[in-house]
Amino acid sequence: MKLKFILAAFSFSALAAFLSASGADVSPALPLSPSASGFVPQQVTASVPGIFNVRDYGAKGDRQTKDTEAFQKALDACALYGVTHSNGEVRVPKGNYLLGSVVLGPNTTIRLEPDAYITESPDLADYPIIKARFEGEMTDCHRSLFYASHADHIAILGPGGIYATSSLCFPSNRNPRAPCVFEPVDCFDVLVENFSLQYDEPASGQHADMWCIHPNFCNKFTARNLTIRSQLANGDGLDIDSCSDVVIEGCDISTGDDAIALKSGRGMEAARMGRPTTDVTIRDCKLHSVIFAALAIGSEISGGIRNVDIHDCTLSGVQNAIFIKSRQGRGAFIENFTGEDLVIESSPTFIGINLVSTGNPATEPVPGPLYDWTYVRNLNFENVQVKNVQTLIGSSGGKDTPSEISPDAPINGFTLTNITGTCQRGITLDNVVNAHFSRILVKGFTGNLLNLTNVTGTGLDNPAANAAPASTTPVR
């Protein structure tokens, strides 16, 4: 009786019959580094305890046969092993495997061995409809290529790679939402490490229009040594959504839309959940957006964002390097955001700010007048070098207009220290209290360095001076 219960609880149904699909066996052009764990490929079989080779379950790896069922069987066996033992590992040896959506159970690691590649099936029927969060609200969505729900201790590791399929996405598949590549939901201890993820290139020459990796409601999420490539709006690299204890390090991300976006839901639906994105560290990354921002904060932010630290990174964006965005009706907060030792390259802005009108209205907005604005506290940037930046700080896209901040909810605490390099225009900022500027030593700009409206604080008369550092005590 107990065995039947366990099998029922952890059995995930096969998603598609074996069908034929044409296509040559190709490998991503992106460089792949050796596995950080030091894994040395070896011949293994299903008889090795805890190791589940997809070939033993019938996977072909010829990029023509759909291997979805074989992968799901291996994943199910691994999850069952984890019930009574410890973490198991699903091994994916050399080959190119055509897959539809599969589900990871707890205590499961997928390891893509050298020259092992996953190609996303182009058939929407291979991605069942579920309820998931998209643009901040729960809605009908095609299940992701790799999906997990309430599954703790899971990982996808390289050094292999993943091909996503842009034909699933823009422009016809926004409702229901197109599938992400990896979407863990309500999971603890999630690791993605050391693989490449890129979208194919159809005849149109345009790449995907859907987020690549979208953890939501997760605790302890780590992304390490990833290489991600996509293009077109909505092709975000990493969308961190109502997650805590997040580390993103050593990643090289160049995407359409935002390379990394931090979110926490939209409107009262998210406010009732009360699940902020908190305690995020981003370090040693190269982030580039071909359309929007290297790092976006919002605009789906109604659960709040707190304690973000980005350091030792290079950022560039076609509209903004860093974009802080929201709108009336979002509510919540952004607080304790720190950036240190950053290089900003070829961007219209170092920091673009629009807290008034960015993003779609919520189905049920946060009601006013007291709580409908997003409150921003304690933005701190130190040791930043800018190269070929149009506007140092201002509205989105480097326009010669003020940042968009409501006087009813001014930013409280904004510190800039040791900002060097070249820009065409300085800082255009409005509605800020407790601003602290020192050693702003940029060159090449025309007009005034500071163009301030309703801004109070220190260093506003002589921002190049070596002022004493501002208090690190968070403002309230």
Protein backbone atom coordinates (compact mmCIF):
# COMPACT_ATOMS: atom_id res chain seq x y z
CA MET A 1 0.00 0.00 0.00
CA LYS A 2 2.80 2.42 0.91
CA LEU A 3 4.63 1.61 -2.33
CA LYS A 4 1.52 2.40 -4.38
CA PHE A 5 1.18 5.73 -2.58
CA ILE A 6 4.78 6.70 -3.23
CA LEU A 7 4.57 5.76 -6.88
CA ALA A 8 1.39 7.77 -7.27
CA ALA A 9 2.85 10.80 -5.52
CA PHE A 10 6.01 10.97 -7.58
CA SER A 11 4.97 9.62 -10.97
CA PHE A 12 4.84 12.32 -13.63
CA SER A 13 2.92 11.29 -16.77
CA ALA A 14 4.69 11.15 -20.13
CA LEU A 15 3.86 14.21 -22.16
CA ALA A 16 4.05 13.19 -25.82
CA ALA A 17 4.27 10.11 -28.04
CA PHE A 18 7.34 9.55 -30.12
CA LEU A 19 7.03 11.58 -33.33
CA SER A 20 9.46 12.39 -36.12
CA ALA A 21 10.88 15.86 -36.68
CA SER A 22 13.56 16.77 -39.19
CA GLY A 23 16.67 18.79 -38.39
CA ALA A 24 20.42 18.42 -38.49
CA ASP A 25 22.42 17.69 -35.37
CA VAL A 26 24.15 20.94 -34.55
CA SER A 27 25.86 22.40 -31.49
CA PRO A 28 25.68 25.92 -30.02
CA ALA A 29 28.39 28.30 -31.15
CA LEU A 30 28.81 29.65 -27.65
CA PRO A 31 31.95 28.65 -25.73
CA LEU A 32 31.35 26.17 -22.96
CA SER A 33 33.70 26.04 -19.97
CA PRO A 34 34.57 22.86 -18.03
CA SER A 35 32.21 21.84 -15.26
CA ALA A 36 32.84 23.80 -12.08
CA SER A 37 32.28 20.65 -10.06
CA GLY A 38 35.24 18.91 -11.71
CA PHE A 39 33.07 16.09 -13.10
CA VAL A 40 34.96 13.75 -15.44
CA PRO A 41 32.66 12.02 -17.97
CA GLN A 42 32.55 8.25 -17.58
CA GLN A 43 30.52 5.36 -18.89
CA VAL A 44 27.59 4.77 -16.56
CA THR A 45 24.48 2.60 -16.58
CA ALA A 46 21.17 2.61 -14.75
CA SER A 47 22.61 0.01 -12.38
CA VAL A 48 24.84 2.62 -10.72
CA PRO A 49 23.00 3.75 -7.56
CA GLY A 50 21.60 7.25 -7.95
CA ILE A 51 22.62 7.63 -11.62
CA PHE A 52 19.88 7.57 -14.24
CA ASN A 53 21.16 7.73 -17.81
CA VAL A 54 18.48 8.88 -20.26
CA ARG A 55 19.82 6.44 -22.86
CA ASP A 56 18.86 3.57 -20.56
CA TYR A 57 15.26 4.81 -20.72
CA GLY A 58 15.16 4.93 -24.51
CA ALA A 59 16.43 8.42 -25.40
CA LYS A 60 17.93 8.56 -28.91
CA GLY A 61 19.68 11.93 -28.96
CA ASP A 62 19.36 12.25 -32.74
CA ARG A 63 17.45 15.60 -32.76
CA GLN A 64 14.70 13.90 -34.78
CA THR A 65 13.03 11.52 -32.33
CA LYS A 66 11.19 13.19 -29.47
CA ASP A 67 12.89 12.03 -26.29
CA THR A 68 10.34 13.57 -23.90
CA GLU A 69 8.98 10.26 -22.62
CA ALA A 70 12.44 8.79 -22.02
CA PHE A 71 13.56 11.89 -20.11
CA GLN A 72 10.41 11.86 -17.97
CA LYS A 73 10.93 8.21 -17.06
CA ALA A 74 14.52 8.94 -15.99
CA LEU A 75 13.39 11.98 -14.00
CA ASP A 76 10.63 10.00 -12.28
CA ALA A 77 13.06 7.23 -11.34
CA CYS A 78 15.44 9.82 -9.93
CA ALA A 79 12.67 11.43 -7.84
CA LEU A 80 11.64 8.05 -6.47
CA TYR A 81 15.25 7.31 -5.56
CA GLY A 82 15.39 10.57 -3.65
CA VAL A 83 12.46 9.57 -1.43
CA THR A 84 14.47 6.96 0.44
CA HIS A 85 18.06 7.87 -0.44
CA SER A 86 19.69 11.18 -1.31
CA ASN A 87 19.99 13.34 -4.40
CA GLY A 88 20.06 11.43 -7.66
CA GLU A 89 21.44 12.48 -11.01
CA VAL A 90 19.91 12.23 -14.48
CA ARG A 91 22.81 11.92 -16.89
CA VAL A 92 22.50 13.24 -20.42
CA PRO A 93 25.40 11.93 -22.52
CA LYS A 94 26.64 13.27 -25.85
CA GLY A 95 23.84 13.84 -28.36
CA ASN A 96 21.13 16.32 -29.30
CA TYR A 97 17.80 15.53 -27.62
CA LEU A 98 14.49 16.88 -28.91
CA LEU A 99 12.22 17.56 -25.93
CA GLY A 100 8.84 18.86 -24.94
CA SER A 101 8.02 19.87 -21.38
CA VAL A 102 9.28 17.59 -18.59
CA VAL A 103 8.88 17.84 -14.81
CA LEU A 104 11.63 17.58 -12.18
CA GLY A 105 10.88 15.99 -8.85
CA PRO A 106 12.78 16.77 -5.63
CA ASN A 107 16.40 15.77 -5.03
CA THR A 108 17.11 15.71 -8.77
CA THR A 109 20.10 16.96 -10.73
CA ILE A 110 20.15 17.01 -14.53
CA ARG A 111 23.73 16.89 -15.82
CA LEU A 112 24.35 17.77 -19.47
CA GLU A 113 27.65 16.07 -20.26
CA PRO A 114 30.15 17.50 -22.81
CA ASP A 115 28.58 17.72 -26.28
CA ALA A 116 25.12 17.02 -24.86
CA TYR A 117 22.46 19.45 -26.11
CA ILE A 118 18.73 19.83 -25.57
CA THR A 119 16.62 21.17 -28.43
CA GLU A 120 13.20 22.51 -27.50
CA SER A 121 10.34 20.96 -29.46
CA PRO A 122 8.65 23.49 -31.78
CA ASP A 123 5.18 21.97 -31.14
CA LEU A 124 3.05 23.87 -28.62
CA ALA A 125 1.10 20.67 -27.94
CA ASP A 126 4.21 19.42 -26.11
CA TYR A 127 3.75 22.11 -23.43
CA PRO A 128 0.56 21.59 -21.36
CA ILE A 129 -1.43 24.59 -20.14
CA ILE A 130 -1.03 25.35 -16.43
CA LYS A 131 -1.57 28.36 -14.18
CA ALA A 132 1.66 30.31 -13.75
CA ARG A 133 2.77 33.88 -13.20
CA PHE A 134 3.33 36.05 -16.26
CA GLU A 135 3.99 39.79 -16.11
CA GLY A 136 3.09 39.71 -12.44
CA GLU A 137 -0.26 37.90 -12.46
CA MET A 138 -1.39 34.27 -12.46
CA THR A 139 -2.72 33.28 -15.85
CA ASP A 140 -2.84 30.46 -18.39
CA CYS A 141 0.68 29.53 -19.50
CA HIS A 142 2.33 26.80 -21.48
CA ARG A 143 4.43 24.79 -19.05
CA SER A 144 8.15 25.39 -19.39
CA LEU A 145 10.60 23.02 -21.06
CA PHE A 146 11.97 22.11 -17.61
CA TYR A 147 9.39 22.65 -14.87
CA ALA A 148 9.38 22.01 -11.12
CA SER A 149 6.86 22.78 -8.39
CA HIS A 150 7.54 22.36 -4.64
CA ALA A 151 10.63 20.33 -5.54
CA ASP A 152 13.59 21.02 -3.24
CA HIS A 153 17.27 20.44 -4.00
CA ILE A 154 17.19 20.50 -7.79
CA ALA A 155 19.78 21.50 -10.36
CA ILE A 156 20.56 21.71 -14.07
CA LEU A 157 24.31 21.53 -14.70
CA GLY A 158 26.54 21.74 -17.77
CA PRO A 159 28.84 21.78 -19.54
CA GLY A 160 26.33 20.94 -22.29
CA GLY A 161 23.80 23.39 -23.69
CA ILE A 162 20.15 24.11 -24.49
CA TYR A 163 18.59 25.33 -27.71
CA ALA A 164 15.26 27.08 -27.20
CA THR A 165 12.86 27.46 -30.13
CA SER A 166 11.69 30.91 -31.11
CA SER A 167 8.82 29.57 -33.21
CA LEU A 168 6.95 28.91 -29.95
CA CYS A 169 6.92 32.57 -29.05
CA PHE A 170 6.32 36.01 -30.55
CA PRO A 171 3.99 37.25 -31.91
CA SER A 172 1.08 34.79 -31.65
CA ASN A 173 1.55 33.01 -28.33
CA ARG A 174 1.25 35.62 -25.60
CA ASN A 175 -2.14 34.22 -24.50
CA PRO A 176 -1.59 31.60 -23.25
CA ARG A 177 1.95 32.60 -22.40
CA ALA A 178 4.66 30.76 -24.32
CA PRO A 179 6.88 28.33 -22.38
CA CYS A 180 9.99 29.44 -20.53
CA VAL A 181 13.06 27.23 -20.70
CA PHE A 182 13.26 26.59 -16.92
CA GLU A 183 10.62 27.58 -14.38
CA PRO A 184 10.97 26.34 -10.79
CA VAL A 185 8.02 27.35 -8.59
CA ASP A 186 8.01 27.25 -4.77
CA CYS A 187 11.27 25.33 -4.66
CA PHE A 188 14.12 25.42 -2.13
CA ASP A 189 17.78 25.11 -3.14
CA VAL A 190 17.83 25.48 -6.93
CA LEU A 191 21.06 25.59 -8.93
CA VAL A 192 21.64 26.29 -12.63
CA GLU A 193 25.30 26.19 -13.53
CA ASN A 194 27.81 26.07 -16.31
CA PHE A 195 25.73 25.65 -19.46
CA SER A 196 24.84 27.75 -22.49
CA LEU A 197 21.29 28.66 -23.42
CA GLN A 198 20.50 30.21 -26.76
CA TYR A 199 17.59 30.54 -29.11
CA ASP A 200 17.74 29.23 -32.65
CA GLU A 201 17.59 31.61 -35.59
CA PRO A 202 14.60 31.18 -37.90
CA ALA A 203 14.41 32.55 -41.42
CA SER A 204 13.14 35.89 -40.10
CA GLY A 205 16.46 36.41 -38.33
CA GLN A 206 14.69 37.13 -35.06
CA HIS A 207 15.15 35.26 -31.84
CA ALA A 208 12.85 34.38 -28.98
CA ASP A 209 10.20 36.48 -27.32
CA MET A 210 9.92 34.70 -23.97
CA TRP A 211 11.85 34.70 -20.71
CA CYS A 212 14.61 32.13 -20.52
CA ILE A 213 14.84 31.23 -16.80
CA HIS A 214 12.02 32.25 -14.44
CA PRO A 215 12.27 31.14 -10.81
CA ASN A 216 9.29 32.28 -8.75
CA PHE A 217 8.50 31.91 -5.05
CA CYS A 218 11.85 30.13 -4.62
CA ASN A 219 14.26 30.29 -1.69
CA LYS A 220 17.99 29.82 -2.26
CA PHE A 221 18.34 30.15 -6.03
CA THR A 222 21.81 30.20 -7.59
CA ALA A 223 22.78 30.89 -11.22
CA ARG A 224 26.48 30.44 -11.89
CA ASN A 225 28.64 30.56 -15.02
CA LEU A 226 25.75 30.67 -17.49
CA THR A 227 25.96 31.97 -21.06
CA ILE A 228 22.55 33.17 -22.29
CA ARG A 229 21.65 34.65 -25.68
CA SER A 230 18.29 35.85 -27.03
CA GLN A 231 16.81 38.79 -28.90
CA LEU A 232 13.49 40.65 -29.25
CA ALA A 233 11.39 42.30 -26.57
CA ASN A 234 10.31 40.00 -23.74
CA GLY A 235 13.33 37.74 -24.24
CA ASP A 236 14.64 38.26 -20.69
CA GLY A 237 17.58 36.19 -19.50
CA LEU A 238 16.86 35.72 -15.78
CA ASP A 239 13.56 36.89 -14.28
CA ILE A 240 13.81 36.58 -10.49
CA ASP A 241 10.22 36.70 -9.26
CA SER A 242 9.30 36.79 -5.53
CA CYS A 243 12.45 34.85 -4.59
CA SER A 244 14.80 35.11 -1.61
CA ASP A 245 18.47 34.28 -1.02
CA VAL A 246 19.51 34.66 -4.66
CA VAL A 247 23.07 34.55 -6.04
CA ILE A 248 23.89 35.27 -9.69
CA GLU A 249 27.59 35.08 -10.44
CA GLY A 250 29.97 34.68 -13.34
CA CYS A 251 27.21 34.90 -15.96
CA ASP A 252 27.50 36.31 -19.49
CA ILE A 253 24.01 37.38 -20.59
CA SER A 254 23.05 39.25 -23.75
CA THR A 255 19.32 39.31 -24.39
CA GLY A 256 16.35 41.03 -25.89
CA ASP A 257 14.56 42.95 -23.14
CA ASP A 258 16.26 42.74 -19.73
CA ALA A 259 19.34 40.63 -19.09
CA ILE A 260 18.26 40.30 -15.45
CA ALA A 261 14.90 41.48 -14.08
CA LEU A 262 13.89 41.51 -10.42
CA LYS A 263 10.12 41.26 -9.91
CA SER A 264 7.52 40.45 -7.25
CA GLY A 265 4.08 40.51 -8.89
CA ARG A 266 1.54 43.08 -10.01
CA GLY A 267 -1.33 44.72 -8.12
CA MET A 268 -3.37 43.47 -5.20
CA GLU A 269 -2.94 39.83 -6.21
CA ALA A 270 0.77 40.10 -5.40
CA ALA A 271 0.26 42.44 -2.44
CA ARG A 272 -1.98 39.85 -0.77
CA MET A 273 0.69 37.19 -1.26
CA GLY A 274 3.30 39.43 0.34
CA ARG A 275 6.24 37.62 -1.29
CA PRO A 276 9.05 40.13 -1.94
CA THR A 277 12.23 39.47 -3.86
CA THR A 278 14.91 39.85 -1.20
CA ASP A 279 18.59 39.28 -0.47
CA VAL A 280 19.92 39.21 -4.03
CA THR A 281 23.63 39.25 -4.90
CA ILE A 282 24.81 39.78 -8.48
CA ARG A 283 28.58 39.66 -8.98
CA ASP A 284 31.24 39.16 -11.64
CA CYS A 285 28.72 39.24 -14.49
CA LYS A 286 28.63 40.76 -17.96
CA LEU A 287 25.07 41.94 -18.67
CA HIS A 288 23.85 43.39 -21.96
CA SER A 289 20.41 44.11 -23.39
CA VAL A 290 19.90 44.63 -27.11
CA ILE A 291 16.57 46.42 -26.52
CA PHE A 292 16.03 47.50 -22.90
CA ALA A 293 18.04 47.24 -19.66
CA ALA A 294 20.96 45.20 -18.42
CA LEU A 295 19.35 45.14 -14.96
CA ALA A 296 15.69 46.00 -14.41
CA ILE A 297 14.07 46.56 -11.02
CA GLY A 298 10.32 46.15 -11.57
CA SER A 299 7.94 47.03 -12.96
CA GLU A 300 5.95 44.10 -11.51
CA ILE A 301 6.87 45.00 -7.96
CA SER A 302 3.77 44.84 -5.78
CA GLY A 303 5.36 42.35 -3.38
CA GLY A 304 8.39 44.60 -2.89
CA ILE A 305 12.14 44.30 -3.52
CA ARG A 306 14.68 44.51 -0.70
CA ASN A 307 18.42 44.08 -0.14
CA VAL A 308 20.00 43.91 -3.60
CA ASP A 309 23.77 44.07 -4.06
CA ILE A 310 25.39 44.20 -7.50
CA HIS A 311 29.16 44.51 -7.72
CA ASP A 312 32.12 43.88 -10.03
CA CYS A 313 29.91 43.76 -13.12
CA THR A 314 29.92 45.29 -16.61
CA LEU A 315 26.52 46.53 -17.81
CA SER A 316 25.22 47.96 -21.06
CA GLY A 317 21.70 48.45 -22.37
CA VAL A 318 20.17 49.95 -25.45
CA GLN A 319 17.85 52.03 -23.23
CA ASN A 320 19.33 51.79 -19.71
CA ALA A 321 22.13 50.03 -17.88
CA ILE A 322 19.99 49.99 -14.72
CA PHE A 323 16.27 50.75 -14.94
CA ILE A 324 14.23 51.33 -11.77
CA LYS A 325 10.60 51.20 -12.83
CA SER A 326 7.05 51.10 -11.50
CA ARG A 327 3.76 52.96 -11.84
CA GLN A 328 0.88 54.22 -9.75
CA GLY A 329 -1.19 51.25 -8.61
CA ARG A 330 1.84 48.99 -7.99
CA GLY A 331 2.48 50.04 -4.39
CA ALA A 332 5.12 48.22 -2.27
CA PHE A 333 8.77 49.26 -2.04
CA ILE A 334 12.32 49.12 -3.38
CA GLU A 335 14.80 49.46 -0.55
CA ASN A 336 18.48 48.89 0.19
CA PHE A 337 19.89 48.68 -3.35
CA THR A 338 23.69 48.84 -3.57
CA GLY A 339 25.94 48.96 -6.64
CA GLU A 340 29.74 48.92 -6.31
CA ASP A 341 32.69 48.60 -8.69
CA LEU A 342 30.61 48.74 -11.86
CA VAL A 343 31.54 49.53 -15.46
CA ILE A 344 28.74 51.04 -17.57
CA GLU A 345 29.33 50.89 -21.33
CA SER A 346 27.51 52.46 -24.29
CA SER A 347 24.14 53.07 -22.66
CA PRO A 348 21.69 55.99 -22.91
CA THR A 349 21.69 56.08 -19.09
CA PHE A 350 23.66 54.70 -16.19
CA ILE A 351 20.42 54.75 -14.16
CA GLY A 352 17.01 55.37 -15.70
CA ILE A 353 14.11 56.00 -13.30
CA ASN A 354 10.39 55.90 -14.02
CA LEU A 355 8.18 55.24 -11.02
CA VAL A 356 5.08 56.82 -12.54
CA SER A 357 3.97 55.09 -15.72
CA THR A 358 5.98 51.98 -16.65
CA GLY A 359 4.31 48.63 -17.32
CA ASN A 360 0.74 47.51 -17.89
CA PRO A 361 -1.89 48.40 -15.26
CA ALA A 362 -2.81 45.60 -12.89
CA THR A 363 -6.13 43.83 -13.21
CA GLU A 364 -6.72 44.97 -9.62
CA PRO A 365 -4.39 47.88 -8.84
CA VAL A 366 -3.23 48.72 -5.33
CA PRO A 367 -5.74 51.38 -4.20
CA GLY A 368 -4.75 54.94 -3.36
CA PRO A 369 -4.10 57.45 -2.18
CA LEU A 370 -1.71 56.23 0.53
CA TYR A 371 -0.34 52.93 -0.75
CA ASP A 372 -0.60 53.05 -4.53
CA TRP A 373 2.89 54.51 -5.14
CA THR A 374 6.09 52.47 -4.90
CA TYR A 375 8.32 53.82 -2.12
CA VAL A 376 12.05 53.80 -2.85
CA ARG A 377 14.62 54.03 -0.05
CA ASN A 378 18.40 53.76 0.17
CA LEU A 379 19.91 53.63 -3.30
CA ASN A 380 23.71 53.57 -2.96
CA PHE A 381 26.26 53.54 -5.80
CA GLU A 382 30.03 53.73 -5.35
CA ASN A 383 33.06 53.32 -7.63
CA VAL A 384 31.28 53.40 -10.99
CA GLN A 385 33.04 54.04 -14.32
CA VAL A 386 30.89 55.17 -17.23
CA LYS A 387 31.95 54.94 -20.87
CA ASN A 388 30.00 56.46 -23.75
CA VAL A 389 26.90 57.11 -21.64
CA GLN A 390 24.41 59.75 -22.81
CA THR A 391 22.73 60.76 -19.53
CA LEU A 392 24.27 59.82 -16.20
CA ILE A 393 20.93 59.64 -14.36
CA GLY A 394 17.52 60.61 -15.68
CA SER A 395 14.39 59.26 -17.27
CA SER A 396 14.37 56.08 -19.30
CA GLY A 397 16.31 56.01 -22.53
CA GLY A 398 18.69 58.90 -21.85
CA LYS A 399 16.18 61.62 -22.72
CA ASP A 400 16.98 65.15 -21.61
CA THR A 401 14.04 65.12 -19.19
CA PRO A 402 13.82 64.57 -15.42
CA SER A 403 13.49 61.15 -13.89
CA GLU A 404 9.84 60.34 -13.32
CA ILE A 405 9.23 60.25 -9.58
CA SER A 406 5.99 61.30 -7.91
CA PRO A 407 6.28 64.18 -5.41
CA ASP A 408 3.83 62.17 -3.30
CA ALA A 409 6.43 59.38 -2.94
CA PRO A 410 9.94 60.89 -3.27
CA ILE A 411 13.01 58.68 -3.19
CA ASN A 412 14.38 58.73 0.36
CA GLY A 413 18.13 58.19 0.37
CA PHE A 414 20.22 58.33 -2.84
CA THR A 415 24.02 58.18 -2.53
CA LEU A 416 26.50 58.55 -5.41
CA THR A 417 30.23 58.33 -4.59
CA ASN A 418 33.25 58.19 -6.90
CA ILE A 419 31.56 58.23 -10.29
CA THR A 420 34.11 58.65 -13.11
CA GLY A 421 34.30 58.48 -16.91
CA THR A 422 32.51 60.28 -19.73
CA CYS A 423 28.90 61.16 -20.45
CA GLN A 424 27.07 63.60 -22.71
CA ARG A 425 24.71 64.91 -20.03
CA GLY A 426 24.81 64.88 -16.25
CA ILE A 427 22.17 64.10 -13.66
CA THR A 428 18.56 65.16 -14.22
CA LEU A 429 16.70 64.25 -11.06
CA ASP A 430 13.56 65.30 -9.24
CA ASN A 431 11.74 64.53 -5.98
CA VAL A 432 14.53 63.06 -3.82
CA VAL A 433 15.27 63.63 -0.14
CA ASN A 434 18.47 62.66 1.67
CA ALA A 435 20.60 62.71 -1.48
CA HIS A 436 24.38 62.51 -0.87
CA PHE A 437 26.74 63.23 -3.79
CA SER A 438 30.54 63.17 -3.63
CA ARG A 439 33.43 62.67 -6.05
CA ILE A 440 31.24 62.81 -9.14
CA LEU A 441 34.12 63.39 -11.57
CA VAL A 442 32.64 62.64 -14.99
CA LYS A 443 33.80 64.60 -18.05
CA GLY A 444 32.57 65.43 -21.54
CA PHE A 445 29.06 66.56 -20.65
CA THR A 446 27.38 69.73 -21.86
CA GLY A 447 25.25 71.98 -19.66
CA ASN A 448 25.08 71.59 -15.89
CA LEU A 449 26.26 68.45 -14.14
CA LEU A 450 23.30 68.60 -11.77
CA ASN A 451 19.81 69.46 -12.94
CA LEU A 452 17.74 69.03 -9.79
CA THR A 453 14.13 69.77 -8.90
CA ASN A 454 12.82 69.24 -5.39
CA VAL A 455 16.03 67.44 -4.30
CA THR A 456 17.55 67.92 -0.85
CA GLY A 457 20.68 66.53 0.77
CA THR A 458 24.46 67.04 0.86
CA GLY A 459 27.03 67.59 -1.88
CA LEU A 460 24.52 69.25 -4.16
CA ASP A 461 26.54 72.47 -4.40
CA ASN A 462 29.87 70.77 -5.14
CA PRO A 463 29.35 67.13 -6.12
CA ALA A 464 33.02 66.74 -7.10
CA ALA A 465 34.18 67.34 -3.53
CA ASN A 466 35.55 64.54 -1.41
CA ALA A 467 32.73 64.67 1.09
CA ALA A 468 32.47 62.52 4.14
CA PRO A 469 30.50 59.37 3.39
CA ALA A 470 26.81 59.51 4.10
CA SER A 471 25.41 57.57 7.03
CA THR A 472 24.82 53.91 6.25
CA THR A 473 21.86 53.79 8.61
CA PRO A 474 18.81 53.00 6.45
CA VAL A 475 16.29 55.80 6.24
CA ARG A 476 12.67 55.14 7.10
